[in-house]
Structures are given as C-alpha cells and as structure tokens.
Amino acid sequence: MNRVLVTLMLAAVAALAACGQSATSTAVVPLEIEQGTSCSLDGMLLADYPGPKAQIQYAGQTEPDFFCDTVEMFHTVLDPEQLRAVRGIFVQDMGKADWDAPRDHWIDAKNAFYVYGSKRDGSMGPTIASFALQADATKFAAEYGGKVYHFADITPGMVILDGGVLHDRIH
C-alpha cells in the first residue's frame, strides 16, 4: 500500500474513534405502534390490518416513518430517489408476533429473513413476511409457500406497490 493511502485510512479511523468519544451516541431503537399510528405512504392505521409492519428512522427526524406492510418499506428503501440518511430500519418478527394483530417484536430489518411469494396477505395484499430466525422463515415457507431471502436479496421488481392487482386474472 502506498503511504498516502495508509495515512488517510489511519486518519479516518482516528476521526471515527474521536467522534465516538466526544459525541453522545444514541442507539436507534424501534418505536411501538399505537392505536393511531398511521402509514407514512397512505395514511392507513397500522393497528387495523394484519401482517408484518415496518419502520424507517431517518437522521434529523424524531419520529420514524411507519409502513403498514413490508412491501412498502422495501419499495421506499430500494427507490433510487430515496436520498435521506437512514439511521435504522425495523420489521416485526412474525415468528413471535400475531399475524392478525401484530404488536411488538421489532427486529433489525437488515438482519432478518424474508419469505416472498407466500399465500398469506398483509395489509396491502401479497406481502413479504419477516423473521428473526431462518428456521421460522423456512417453516413459514413450508406451510404457506414462498421462498426465503435475505434483506440484500430483495429487488425493486419484487416490491411493486400494486397490491397484487397486476396478477389478477379474468376467467
């Protein structure tokens, strides 16, 4: 490695270490859904609908943007025009939460396992079920169909906000 690159790397590490010591660091924690919590995209009340919910916490914002469905969260995160600094993304662990009235059980979205293509609907129709444990995701997929994915494997083409209407067939 050349000396300039090594010097720059050491300076960056020192700056990061200094930031951690001088600034008061606050851990990003999920907030709980209340009876009046509404979806940031469409205003739907989260407590009124089944399936996994999500929240994104942005830098400079005291309250998270809540989503009544994980598909909406992924659509927002994967949008190339989304430029706000994300501090944290949380989803509910459906291995523990009640599907019909999910509360609590928030987990880091980037570490979760997701089942895409199941027969279970969320608030907006077809959804992507979220789980803390791969075993729970695999069990869910065996029972309801779908395939298990990691956060990084979800693509924009998987999170189109049509509520499944484009898949409807006229018989």
N, C-alpha and C. Protein backbone atom coordinates (compact mmCIF):
# COMPACT_ATOMS: atom_id res chain seq x y z
N MET A 1 0.84 -1.18 0.00
CA MET A 1 0.00 0.00 0.00
C MET A 1 0.88 1.24 0.00
N ASN A 2 0.41 2.26 -0.66
CA ASN A 2 1.25 3.46 -0.63
C ASN A 2 1.00 4.24 0.66
N ARG A 3 1.95 5.10 0.99
CA ARG A 3 1.93 5.81 2.28
C ARG A 3 0.74 6.75 2.40
N VAL A 4 0.34 7.37 1.30
CA VAL A 4 -0.78 8.31 1.34
C VAL A 4 -2.07 7.58 1.71
N LEU A 5 -2.29 6.43 1.12
CA LEU A 5 -3.49 5.65 1.41
C LEU A 5 -3.50 5.20 2.86
N VAL A 6 -2.36 4.73 3.36
CA VAL A 6 -2.28 4.29 4.76
C VAL A 6 -2.54 5.47 5.69
N THR A 7 -1.98 6.62 5.39
CA THR A 7 -2.18 7.81 6.21
C THR A 7 -3.65 8.22 6.23
N LEU A 8 -4.29 8.19 5.07
CA LEU A 8 -5.71 8.54 5.00
C LEU A 8 -6.57 7.56 5.79
N MET A 9 -6.26 6.28 5.70
CA MET A 9 -7.02 5.27 6.43
C MET A 9 -6.86 5.47 7.94
N LEU A 10 -5.63 5.73 8.40
CA LEU A 10 -5.40 5.96 9.82
C LEU A 10 -6.11 7.21 10.31
N ALA A 11 -6.11 8.25 9.49
CA ALA A 11 -6.81 9.49 9.85
C ALA A 11 -8.31 9.25 9.97
N ALA A 12 -8.86 8.46 9.07
CA ALA A 12 -10.29 8.16 9.11
C ALA A 12 -10.65 7.37 10.36
N VAL A 13 -9.83 6.38 10.70
CA VAL A 13 -10.08 5.58 11.90
C VAL A 13 -9.99 6.46 13.14
N ALA A 14 -9.00 7.34 13.21
CA ALA A 14 -8.84 8.24 14.36
C ALA A 14 -10.03 9.19 14.47
N ALA A 15 -10.48 9.71 13.35
CA ALA A 15 -11.63 10.62 13.36
C ALA A 15 -12.89 9.92 13.85
N LEU A 16 -13.10 8.70 13.40
CA LEU A 16 -14.26 7.93 13.84
C LEU A 16 -14.19 7.63 15.33
N ALA A 17 -13.02 7.28 15.81
CA ALA A 17 -12.85 6.99 17.22
C ALA A 17 -13.10 8.24 18.06
N ALA A 18 -12.60 9.38 17.60
CA ALA A 18 -12.79 10.63 18.31
C ALA A 18 -14.26 11.03 18.35
N CYS A 19 -14.96 10.78 17.26
CA CYS A 19 -16.39 11.10 17.21
C CYS A 19 -17.14 10.30 18.26
N GLY A 20 -16.78 9.04 18.39
CA GLY A 20 -17.46 8.17 19.35
C GLY A 20 -17.21 8.60 20.78
N GLN A 21 -16.06 9.22 21.06
CA GLN A 21 -15.74 9.63 22.42
C GLN A 21 -16.31 10.99 22.77
N SER A 22 -16.36 11.91 21.80
CA SER A 22 -16.77 13.26 22.12
C SER A 22 -18.28 13.49 21.99
N ALA A 23 -18.90 12.75 21.14
CA ALA A 23 -20.33 12.96 20.92
C ALA A 23 -21.14 11.96 21.74
N THR A 24 -22.33 12.39 22.15
CA THR A 24 -23.21 11.48 22.84
C THR A 24 -23.92 10.65 21.79
N SER A 25 -23.67 9.37 21.80
CA SER A 25 -24.25 8.47 20.81
C SER A 25 -25.56 7.90 21.35
N THR A 26 -26.61 7.96 20.55
CA THR A 26 -27.87 7.38 20.96
C THR A 26 -28.18 6.20 20.05
N ALA A 27 -28.46 5.09 20.68
CA ALA A 27 -28.79 3.88 19.93
C ALA A 27 -30.16 4.08 19.27
N VAL A 28 -30.27 3.57 18.09
CA VAL A 28 -31.54 3.64 17.38
C VAL A 28 -32.38 2.45 17.82
N VAL A 29 -33.54 2.73 18.36
CA VAL A 29 -34.44 1.68 18.82
C VAL A 29 -35.80 1.87 18.15
N PRO A 30 -36.48 0.78 17.88
CA PRO A 30 -37.80 0.91 17.24
C PRO A 30 -38.83 1.48 18.20
N LEU A 31 -39.80 2.19 17.67
CA LEU A 31 -40.91 2.67 18.45
C LEU A 31 -42.09 1.73 18.26
N GLU A 32 -42.95 1.67 19.24
CA GLU A 32 -44.09 0.76 19.16
C GLU A 32 -45.26 1.42 18.45
N ILE A 33 -46.05 0.60 17.81
CA ILE A 33 -47.27 1.05 17.14
C ILE A 33 -48.32 1.36 18.21
N GLU A 34 -48.96 2.51 18.05
CA GLU A 34 -50.07 2.87 18.93
C GLU A 34 -51.36 2.77 18.12
N GLN A 35 -52.48 2.90 18.77
CA GLN A 35 -53.77 2.77 18.09
C GLN A 35 -53.91 3.73 16.92
N GLY A 36 -53.35 4.93 17.03
CA GLY A 36 -53.49 5.93 15.96
C GLY A 36 -52.30 6.02 15.02
N THR A 37 -51.34 5.09 15.12
CA THR A 37 -50.17 5.14 14.24
C THR A 37 -50.60 4.87 12.81
N SER A 38 -50.21 5.77 11.91
CA SER A 38 -50.62 5.62 10.51
C SER A 38 -49.42 5.42 9.60
N CYS A 39 -49.71 4.84 8.45
CA CYS A 39 -48.69 4.57 7.44
C CYS A 39 -48.25 5.88 6.80
N SER A 40 -46.96 6.03 6.63
CA SER A 40 -46.40 7.24 6.04
C SER A 40 -46.76 7.42 4.57
N LEU A 41 -47.05 6.32 3.88
CA LEU A 41 -47.37 6.41 2.45
C LEU A 41 -48.84 6.64 2.16
N ASP A 42 -49.72 5.97 2.91
CA ASP A 42 -51.13 6.04 2.53
C ASP A 42 -52.08 6.39 3.67
N GLY A 43 -51.55 6.62 4.88
CA GLY A 43 -52.39 7.03 5.99
C GLY A 43 -53.19 5.93 6.65
N MET A 44 -53.07 4.69 6.19
CA MET A 44 -53.81 3.59 6.81
C MET A 44 -53.35 3.41 8.25
N LEU A 45 -54.28 3.07 9.15
CA LEU A 45 -53.93 2.82 10.54
C LEU A 45 -53.33 1.42 10.66
N LEU A 46 -52.10 1.35 11.13
CA LEU A 46 -51.38 0.08 11.19
C LEU A 46 -52.09 -0.96 12.05
N ALA A 47 -52.68 -0.53 13.16
CA ALA A 47 -53.31 -1.46 14.09
C ALA A 47 -54.55 -2.14 13.50
N ASP A 48 -55.07 -1.62 12.41
CA ASP A 48 -56.29 -2.16 11.81
C ASP A 48 -56.04 -3.30 10.82
N TYR A 49 -54.79 -3.64 10.54
CA TYR A 49 -54.51 -4.58 9.46
C TYR A 49 -53.54 -5.68 9.89
N PRO A 50 -53.67 -6.84 9.24
CA PRO A 50 -52.79 -7.97 9.56
C PRO A 50 -51.43 -7.87 8.88
N GLY A 51 -50.56 -8.77 9.26
CA GLY A 51 -49.27 -8.91 8.60
C GLY A 51 -48.19 -8.02 9.17
N PRO A 52 -46.95 -8.26 8.74
CA PRO A 52 -45.80 -7.55 9.30
C PRO A 52 -45.79 -6.06 8.94
N LYS A 53 -45.38 -5.27 9.90
CA LYS A 53 -45.23 -3.82 9.74
C LYS A 53 -43.75 -3.48 9.69
N ALA A 54 -43.44 -2.24 9.34
CA ALA A 54 -42.05 -1.80 9.26
C ALA A 54 -41.96 -0.34 9.66
N GLN A 55 -40.76 0.08 9.99
CA GLN A 55 -40.49 1.48 10.27
C GLN A 55 -39.07 1.82 9.84
N ILE A 56 -38.92 3.04 9.34
CA ILE A 56 -37.61 3.56 8.97
C ILE A 56 -37.37 4.79 9.81
N GLN A 57 -36.21 4.84 10.43
CA GLN A 57 -35.82 6.02 11.20
C GLN A 57 -34.76 6.77 10.40
N TYR A 58 -35.05 8.02 10.12
CA TYR A 58 -34.15 8.86 9.33
C TYR A 58 -33.38 9.83 10.22
N ALA A 59 -32.19 10.19 9.81
CA ALA A 59 -31.39 11.18 10.52
C ALA A 59 -32.15 12.51 10.50
N GLY A 60 -32.14 13.21 11.63
CA GLY A 60 -32.80 14.50 11.71
C GLY A 60 -34.30 14.45 11.89
N GLN A 61 -34.84 13.27 12.09
CA GLN A 61 -36.28 13.10 12.24
C GLN A 61 -36.52 12.39 13.58
N THR A 62 -37.37 12.94 14.43
CA THR A 62 -37.58 12.35 15.76
C THR A 62 -38.51 11.14 15.72
N GLU A 63 -39.45 11.13 14.82
CA GLU A 63 -40.39 10.01 14.69
C GLU A 63 -40.07 9.21 13.43
N PRO A 64 -40.21 7.89 13.49
CA PRO A 64 -39.96 7.09 12.29
C PRO A 64 -41.09 7.22 11.28
N ASP A 65 -40.82 6.86 10.06
CA ASP A 65 -41.87 6.66 9.07
C ASP A 65 -42.32 5.22 9.25
N PHE A 66 -43.60 5.04 9.53
CA PHE A 66 -44.17 3.70 9.70
C PHE A 66 -44.78 3.23 8.38
N PHE A 67 -44.80 1.92 8.20
CA PHE A 67 -45.37 1.31 7.00
C PHE A 67 -46.28 0.18 7.42
N CYS A 68 -47.47 0.11 6.81
CA CYS A 68 -48.43 -0.92 7.17
C CYS A 68 -48.08 -2.25 6.53
N ASP A 69 -46.99 -2.29 5.76
CA ASP A 69 -46.59 -3.52 5.09
C ASP A 69 -45.11 -3.46 4.76
N THR A 70 -44.44 -4.58 4.81
CA THR A 70 -43.01 -4.63 4.50
C THR A 70 -42.74 -4.31 3.03
N VAL A 71 -43.68 -4.58 2.15
CA VAL A 71 -43.51 -4.27 0.73
C VAL A 71 -43.33 -2.76 0.57
N GLU A 72 -44.12 -1.97 1.30
CA GLU A 72 -43.99 -0.51 1.22
C GLU A 72 -42.62 -0.05 1.73
N MET A 73 -42.15 -0.67 2.81
CA MET A 73 -40.84 -0.31 3.33
C MET A 73 -39.76 -0.61 2.31
N PHE A 74 -39.77 -1.82 1.74
CA PHE A 74 -38.76 -2.17 0.73
C PHE A 74 -38.86 -1.25 -0.49
N HIS A 75 -40.07 -0.95 -0.91
CA HIS A 75 -40.26 -0.04 -2.05
C HIS A 75 -39.59 1.30 -1.77
N THR A 76 -39.75 1.80 -0.56
CA THR A 76 -39.16 3.08 -0.17
C THR A 76 -37.64 2.99 -0.09
N VAL A 77 -37.13 1.97 0.56
CA VAL A 77 -35.68 1.81 0.74
C VAL A 77 -34.97 1.58 -0.60
N LEU A 78 -35.59 0.83 -1.48
CA LEU A 78 -34.96 0.49 -2.76
C LEU A 78 -35.19 1.54 -3.85
N ASP A 79 -35.96 2.57 -3.54
CA ASP A 79 -36.21 3.64 -4.51
C ASP A 79 -34.91 4.41 -4.75
N PRO A 80 -34.45 4.48 -5.99
CA PRO A 80 -33.19 5.17 -6.26
C PRO A 80 -33.25 6.66 -5.94
N GLU A 81 -34.44 7.21 -5.80
CA GLU A 81 -34.58 8.63 -5.47
C GLU A 81 -34.61 8.89 -3.97
N GLN A 82 -34.58 7.83 -3.15
CA GLN A 82 -34.58 7.97 -1.69
C GLN A 82 -33.19 8.39 -1.27
N LEU A 83 -33.05 9.64 -0.85
CA LEU A 83 -31.74 10.19 -0.53
C LEU A 83 -31.54 10.50 0.95
N ARG A 84 -32.58 10.35 1.76
CA ARG A 84 -32.44 10.68 3.18
C ARG A 84 -31.54 9.66 3.87
N ALA A 85 -30.77 10.13 4.84
CA ALA A 85 -29.89 9.24 5.60
C ALA A 85 -30.71 8.37 6.54
N VAL A 86 -30.60 7.08 6.39
CA VAL A 86 -31.34 6.12 7.20
C VAL A 86 -30.52 5.77 8.44
N ARG A 87 -31.13 5.91 9.62
CA ARG A 87 -30.47 5.56 10.88
C ARG A 87 -30.82 4.14 11.30
N GLY A 88 -31.98 3.65 10.93
CA GLY A 88 -32.39 2.31 11.31
C GLY A 88 -33.64 1.88 10.57
N ILE A 89 -33.73 0.59 10.29
CA ILE A 89 -34.91 0.01 9.66
C ILE A 89 -35.31 -1.20 10.49
N PHE A 90 -36.58 -1.25 10.86
CA PHE A 90 -37.07 -2.33 11.70
C PHE A 90 -38.31 -2.97 11.09
N VAL A 91 -38.44 -4.28 11.28
CA VAL A 91 -39.61 -5.05 10.87
C VAL A 91 -40.02 -5.90 12.05
N GLN A 92 -41.18 -6.47 11.96
CA GLN A 92 -41.65 -7.33 13.05
C GLN A 92 -41.27 -8.78 12.79
N ASP A 93 -40.90 -9.46 13.86
CA ASP A 93 -40.57 -10.89 13.80
C ASP A 93 -41.88 -11.66 13.82
N MET A 94 -42.30 -12.14 12.66
CA MET A 94 -43.57 -12.85 12.56
C MET A 94 -43.47 -14.28 13.10
N GLY A 95 -42.30 -14.68 13.54
CA GLY A 95 -42.15 -15.94 14.27
C GLY A 95 -42.68 -15.80 15.69
N LYS A 96 -42.82 -14.55 16.15
CA LYS A 96 -43.32 -14.27 17.50
C LYS A 96 -44.60 -13.45 17.51
N ALA A 97 -44.75 -12.54 16.56
CA ALA A 97 -45.91 -11.65 16.53
C ALA A 97 -47.14 -12.38 15.99
N ASP A 98 -48.30 -11.95 16.45
CA ASP A 98 -49.58 -12.49 15.97
C ASP A 98 -49.85 -11.90 14.58
N TRP A 99 -50.01 -12.74 13.57
CA TRP A 99 -50.20 -12.27 12.20
C TRP A 99 -51.40 -11.34 12.07
N ASP A 100 -52.49 -11.68 12.75
CA ASP A 100 -53.72 -10.91 12.60
C ASP A 100 -53.72 -9.59 13.36
N ALA A 101 -52.90 -9.47 14.38
CA ALA A 101 -52.80 -8.23 15.15
C ALA A 101 -51.36 -8.08 15.65
N PRO A 102 -50.42 -7.86 14.73
CA PRO A 102 -49.01 -7.81 15.13
C PRO A 102 -48.68 -6.59 15.99
N ARG A 103 -48.05 -6.86 17.11
CA ARG A 103 -47.56 -5.83 18.03
C ARG A 103 -46.17 -6.26 18.49
N ASP A 104 -45.36 -5.27 18.82
CA ASP A 104 -44.03 -5.55 19.39
C ASP A 104 -43.16 -6.40 18.46
N HIS A 105 -42.19 -7.05 19.07
CA HIS A 105 -41.28 -7.99 18.40
C HIS A 105 -40.54 -7.37 17.21
N TRP A 106 -40.02 -6.15 17.40
CA TRP A 106 -39.26 -5.46 16.35
C TRP A 106 -37.85 -6.01 16.27
N ILE A 107 -37.37 -6.16 15.05
CA ILE A 107 -36.01 -6.65 14.80
C ILE A 107 -35.36 -5.78 13.72
N ASP A 108 -34.04 -5.82 13.67
CA ASP A 108 -33.29 -5.08 12.66
C ASP A 108 -33.61 -5.68 11.29
N ALA A 109 -34.14 -4.87 10.41
CA ALA A 109 -34.58 -5.36 9.09
C ALA A 109 -33.44 -5.95 8.27
N LYS A 110 -32.25 -5.40 8.42
CA LYS A 110 -31.13 -5.87 7.60
C LYS A 110 -30.61 -7.24 8.03
N ASN A 111 -30.96 -7.67 9.24
CA ASN A 111 -30.55 -8.98 9.72
C ASN A 111 -31.66 -10.02 9.66
N ALA A 112 -32.82 -9.62 9.19
CA ALA A 112 -33.99 -10.51 9.17
C ALA A 112 -33.95 -11.44 7.96
N PHE A 113 -34.80 -12.45 8.03
CA PHE A 113 -35.05 -13.37 6.91
C PHE A 113 -36.46 -13.08 6.41
N TYR A 114 -36.65 -13.15 5.11
CA TYR A 114 -37.92 -12.77 4.50
C TYR A 114 -38.46 -13.90 3.64
N VAL A 115 -39.79 -14.06 3.69
CA VAL A 115 -40.45 -15.02 2.81
C VAL A 115 -41.26 -14.23 1.80
N TYR A 116 -40.86 -14.39 0.55
CA TYR A 116 -41.52 -13.73 -0.57
C TYR A 116 -42.31 -14.77 -1.35
N GLY A 117 -43.55 -14.43 -1.71
CA GLY A 117 -44.36 -15.31 -2.54
C GLY A 117 -45.26 -16.26 -1.77
N SER A 118 -45.54 -15.96 -0.51
CA SER A 118 -46.41 -16.85 0.27
C SER A 118 -47.88 -16.57 -0.04
N LYS A 119 -48.75 -17.42 0.48
CA LYS A 119 -50.19 -17.26 0.32
C LYS A 119 -50.79 -16.32 1.36
N ARG A 120 -50.02 -15.91 2.37
CA ARG A 120 -50.51 -15.02 3.42
C ARG A 120 -50.48 -13.57 2.95
N ASP A 121 -51.58 -12.89 3.15
CA ASP A 121 -51.68 -11.49 2.78
C ASP A 121 -51.42 -10.59 3.98
N GLY A 122 -50.88 -9.42 3.70
CA GLY A 122 -50.71 -8.38 4.70
C GLY A 122 -51.75 -7.31 4.46
N SER A 123 -51.50 -6.12 4.92
CA SER A 123 -52.48 -5.05 4.80
C SER A 123 -52.73 -4.62 3.37
N MET A 124 -51.74 -4.81 2.49
CA MET A 124 -51.86 -4.37 1.11
C MET A 124 -51.97 -5.54 0.12
N GLY A 125 -52.33 -6.70 0.61
CA GLY A 125 -52.40 -7.88 -0.25
C GLY A 125 -51.14 -8.71 -0.07
N PRO A 126 -50.57 -9.22 -1.16
CA PRO A 126 -49.35 -10.03 -1.04
C PRO A 126 -48.26 -9.25 -0.29
N THR A 127 -47.63 -9.92 0.64
CA THR A 127 -46.62 -9.26 1.46
C THR A 127 -45.34 -10.07 1.53
N ILE A 128 -44.36 -9.54 2.19
CA ILE A 128 -43.09 -10.23 2.42
C ILE A 128 -42.98 -10.42 3.92
N ALA A 129 -43.13 -11.65 4.38
CA ALA A 129 -43.10 -11.95 5.81
C ALA A 129 -41.68 -11.85 6.34
N SER A 130 -41.53 -11.27 7.54
CA SER A 130 -40.21 -11.04 8.13
C SER A 130 -40.02 -11.90 9.38
N PHE A 131 -38.79 -12.41 9.54
CA PHE A 131 -38.49 -13.31 10.66
C PHE A 131 -37.08 -13.05 11.19
N ALA A 132 -36.92 -13.21 12.51
CA ALA A 132 -35.60 -13.09 13.12
C ALA A 132 -34.77 -14.35 12.85
N LEU A 133 -35.43 -15.50 12.81
CA LEU A 133 -34.73 -16.77 12.66
C LEU A 133 -35.01 -17.41 11.30
N GLN A 134 -33.96 -17.91 10.68
CA GLN A 134 -34.13 -18.58 9.39
C GLN A 134 -35.03 -19.80 9.52
N ALA A 135 -34.94 -20.50 10.65
CA ALA A 135 -35.79 -21.69 10.85
C ALA A 135 -37.27 -21.31 10.84
N ASP A 136 -37.62 -20.18 11.45
CA ASP A 136 -39.02 -19.73 11.43
C ASP A 136 -39.46 -19.36 10.02
N ALA A 137 -38.58 -18.71 9.27
CA ALA A 137 -38.90 -18.34 7.89
C ALA A 137 -39.08 -19.58 7.03
N THR A 138 -38.22 -20.57 7.21
CA THR A 138 -38.31 -21.82 6.45
C THR A 138 -39.60 -22.57 6.78
N LYS A 139 -39.95 -22.61 8.05
CA LYS A 139 -41.20 -23.26 8.48
C LYS A 139 -42.41 -22.56 7.87
N PHE A 140 -42.41 -21.23 7.90
CA PHE A 140 -43.50 -20.44 7.32
C PHE A 140 -43.62 -20.73 5.83
N ALA A 141 -42.49 -20.75 5.12
CA ALA A 141 -42.50 -21.01 3.67
C ALA A 141 -43.01 -22.41 3.37
N ALA A 142 -42.68 -23.37 4.21
CA ALA A 142 -43.18 -24.74 4.01
C ALA A 142 -44.69 -24.80 4.18
N GLU A 143 -45.22 -24.01 5.10
CA GLU A 143 -46.66 -24.02 5.35
C GLU A 143 -47.47 -23.16 4.38
N TYR A 144 -46.93 -21.99 4.02
CA TYR A 144 -47.69 -21.03 3.22
C TYR A 144 -47.12 -20.76 1.83
N GLY A 145 -46.05 -21.42 1.50
CA GLY A 145 -45.42 -21.21 0.20
C GLY A 145 -44.44 -20.05 0.25
N GLY A 146 -43.75 -19.85 -0.84
CA GLY A 146 -42.79 -18.77 -0.94
C GLY A 146 -41.36 -19.26 -0.78
N LYS A 147 -40.45 -18.33 -0.88
CA LYS A 147 -39.03 -18.62 -0.81
C LYS A 147 -38.38 -17.67 0.20
N VAL A 148 -37.37 -18.17 0.92
CA VAL A 148 -36.68 -17.38 1.94
C VAL A 148 -35.56 -16.56 1.30
N TYR A 149 -35.50 -15.28 1.68
CA TYR A 149 -34.49 -14.33 1.17
C TYR A 149 -33.84 -13.58 2.33
N HIS A 150 -32.67 -13.03 2.06
CA HIS A 150 -32.02 -12.07 2.96
C HIS A 150 -32.43 -10.67 2.50
N PHE A 151 -32.27 -9.69 3.36
CA PHE A 151 -32.61 -8.29 3.05
C PHE A 151 -31.99 -7.86 1.72
N ALA A 152 -30.71 -8.12 1.55
CA ALA A 152 -29.99 -7.66 0.35
C ALA A 152 -30.46 -8.34 -0.93
N ASP A 153 -31.21 -9.44 -0.81
CA ASP A 153 -31.66 -10.17 -1.99
C ASP A 153 -33.01 -9.70 -2.52
N ILE A 154 -33.69 -8.82 -1.77
CA ILE A 154 -34.98 -8.28 -2.22
C ILE A 154 -34.68 -7.21 -3.27
N THR A 155 -35.34 -7.32 -4.41
CA THR A 155 -35.08 -6.39 -5.53
C THR A 155 -36.28 -5.47 -5.76
N PRO A 156 -36.06 -4.34 -6.44
CA PRO A 156 -37.18 -3.43 -6.74
C PRO A 156 -38.33 -4.12 -7.48
N GLY A 157 -38.03 -5.07 -8.34
CA GLY A 157 -39.08 -5.77 -9.07
C GLY A 157 -39.98 -6.63 -8.20
N MET A 158 -39.53 -6.93 -6.99
CA MET A 158 -40.31 -7.74 -6.05
C MET A 158 -41.25 -6.89 -5.20
N VAL A 159 -41.09 -5.57 -5.23
CA VAL A 159 -41.84 -4.71 -4.31
C VAL A 159 -42.62 -3.62 -5.06
N ILE A 160 -43.34 -4.03 -6.04
CA ILE A 160 -44.20 -3.12 -6.81
C ILE A 160 -45.47 -2.90 -6.01
N LEU A 161 -45.85 -1.66 -5.83
CA LEU A 161 -47.00 -1.32 -4.98
C LEU A 161 -48.32 -1.40 -5.74
N ASP A 162 -48.65 -2.59 -6.22
CA ASP A 162 -49.92 -2.77 -6.93
C ASP A 162 -50.91 -3.61 -6.13
N GLY A 163 -50.52 -4.04 -4.92
CA GLY A 163 -51.41 -4.84 -4.09
C GLY A 163 -51.78 -6.16 -4.72
N GLY A 164 -50.99 -6.62 -5.69
CA GLY A 164 -51.26 -7.88 -6.36
C GLY A 164 -52.24 -7.77 -7.50
N VAL A 165 -52.77 -6.58 -7.75
CA VAL A 165 -53.79 -6.40 -8.77
C VAL A 165 -53.28 -6.77 -10.17
N LEU A 166 -52.01 -6.59 -10.42
CA LEU A 166 -51.48 -6.94 -11.74
C LEU A 166 -51.46 -8.44 -11.97
N HIS A 167 -51.66 -9.19 -10.90
CA HIS A 167 -51.65 -10.66 -11.02
C HIS A 167 -53.07 -11.23 -11.11
N ASP A 168 -54.06 -10.36 -10.99
CA ASP A 168 -55.45 -10.82 -11.10
C ASP A 168 -55.71 -11.34 -12.51
N ARG A 169 -56.53 -12.33 -12.60
CA ARG A 169 -56.87 -12.92 -13.89
C ARG A 169 -58.38 -12.89 -14.08
N ILE A 170 -58.80 -12.60 -15.28
CA ILE A 170 -60.23 -12.67 -15.62
C ILE A 170 -60.49 -14.05 -16.18
N HIS A 171 -61.44 -14.73 -15.59
CA HIS A 171 -61.74 -16.11 -16.04
C HIS A 171 -62.95 -16.13 -16.91
